[in-house]
Protein backbone atom coordinates (compact mmCIF):
# COMPACT_ATOMS: atom_id res chain seq x y z
CA MET A 1 30.75 8.81 -24.09
CA GLY A 2 31.64 9.44 -20.35
CA ARG A 3 28.69 11.89 -20.07
CA LEU A 4 26.30 9.25 -21.45
CA LEU A 5 27.41 6.68 -18.84
CA VAL A 6 27.07 9.13 -15.98
CA LEU A 7 23.57 10.19 -17.20
CA ILE A 8 22.54 6.45 -17.36
CA ALA A 9 23.88 5.78 -13.84
CA LEU A 10 22.11 8.90 -12.47
CA VAL A 11 18.74 7.78 -14.05
CA VAL A 12 19.26 4.17 -12.67
CA VAL A 13 20.08 5.51 -9.12
CA ALA A 14 17.00 7.93 -9.34
CA ALA A 15 14.57 4.98 -10.33
CA TRP A 16 15.96 2.79 -7.51
CA LEU A 17 15.37 5.55 -4.89
CA ILE A 18 11.90 6.19 -6.12
CA ARG A 19 10.94 2.53 -6.07
CA ARG A 20 12.46 2.08 -2.61
CA ALA A 21 10.56 5.08 -1.28
CA LEU A 22 7.21 3.80 -2.82
CA ARG A 23 7.77 0.33 -1.39
CA ARG A 24 8.41 1.83 2.07
CA ALA A 25 5.24 3.91 1.91
CA ALA A 26 3.12 0.76 0.87
CA THR A 27 4.56 -1.41 3.70
CA HIS A 28 3.63 1.37 6.33
CA ASP A 29 -0.03 1.22 5.34
CA ALA A 30 -0.27 -2.55 4.85
CA PRO A 31 0.49 -4.32 8.23
CA GLU A 32 -2.69 -3.26 9.94
CA SER A 33 -4.95 -4.36 7.05
CA SER A 34 -3.05 -7.42 6.31
CA ALA A 35 -2.98 -8.63 9.88
CA VAL A 36 -6.78 -8.63 10.04
CA ARG A 37 -6.98 -10.15 6.57
CA ASP A 38 -4.56 -13.01 7.36
CA GLU A 39 -6.00 -13.76 10.75
CA LEU A 40 -7.53 -17.32 10.93
CA VAL A 41 -10.89 -18.03 12.53
CA ARG A 42 -12.76 -21.25 13.14
CA CYS A 43 -16.25 -21.92 11.84
CA ALA A 44 -18.57 -22.41 14.78
CA HIS A 45 -20.49 -25.14 12.96
CA CYS A 46 -17.82 -27.37 11.24
CA GLY A 47 -14.61 -26.11 12.76
CA LEU A 48 -12.92 -25.14 9.41
CA LEU A 49 -10.17 -22.63 9.62
CA LEU A 50 -10.64 -19.76 7.26
CA PRO A 51 -9.36 -16.17 6.79
CA ARG A 52 -11.48 -13.61 9.03
CA ALA A 53 -12.08 -11.56 5.81
CA GLU A 54 -14.02 -14.51 4.37
CA ALA A 55 -15.93 -15.42 7.43
CA ARG A 56 -19.64 -14.74 7.93
CA GLU A 57 -20.78 -13.51 11.34
CA SER A 58 -24.13 -14.42 12.93
CA ALA A 59 -25.28 -14.01 16.47
CA GLY A 60 -21.74 -13.21 17.59
CA ALA A 61 -20.28 -16.40 16.00
CA LEU A 62 -18.17 -16.84 12.86
CA TYR A 63 -19.07 -19.21 10.11
CA CYS A 64 -17.60 -20.47 6.80
CA SER A 65 -20.71 -20.07 4.83
CA GLU A 66 -24.27 -18.62 4.83
CA GLU A 67 -25.70 -22.07 5.34
CA HIS A 68 -23.66 -22.88 8.39
CA ALA A 69 -24.53 -19.25 9.67
CA ARG A 70 -28.19 -20.22 9.10
CA LEU A 71 -27.82 -23.64 10.88
CA GLY A 72 -25.97 -22.13 13.79
CA PRO A 73 -23.34 -23.80 16.15
CA ALA A 74 -22.84 -27.47 15.91
CA ARG A 75 -24.34 -29.69 18.53
CA ARG A 76 -21.53 -31.74 20.02
CA ARG A 77 -22.26 -35.48 20.80
CA ALA A 78 -21.69 -36.61 24.25
CA ALA A 79 -18.65 -38.93 24.69
CA PRO A 80 -19.60 -42.64 25.39
């Protein structure tokens, strides 16, 4: 009975060490890609904030949709 408990404890510790090592390896690769993916940018036409990964680029500006990219930057009205 004692051998069985020791064997179970060893298997649990080995599984924990493997999961911890895999989790650390995944977090070393992720910060660079997630930083770019999570960066918020503003649409040049409507001002909507959206993740950079979802933005469309046209003529050096970022837009929230293909239609806004086609329309271009918004024309701002002059203050009265």
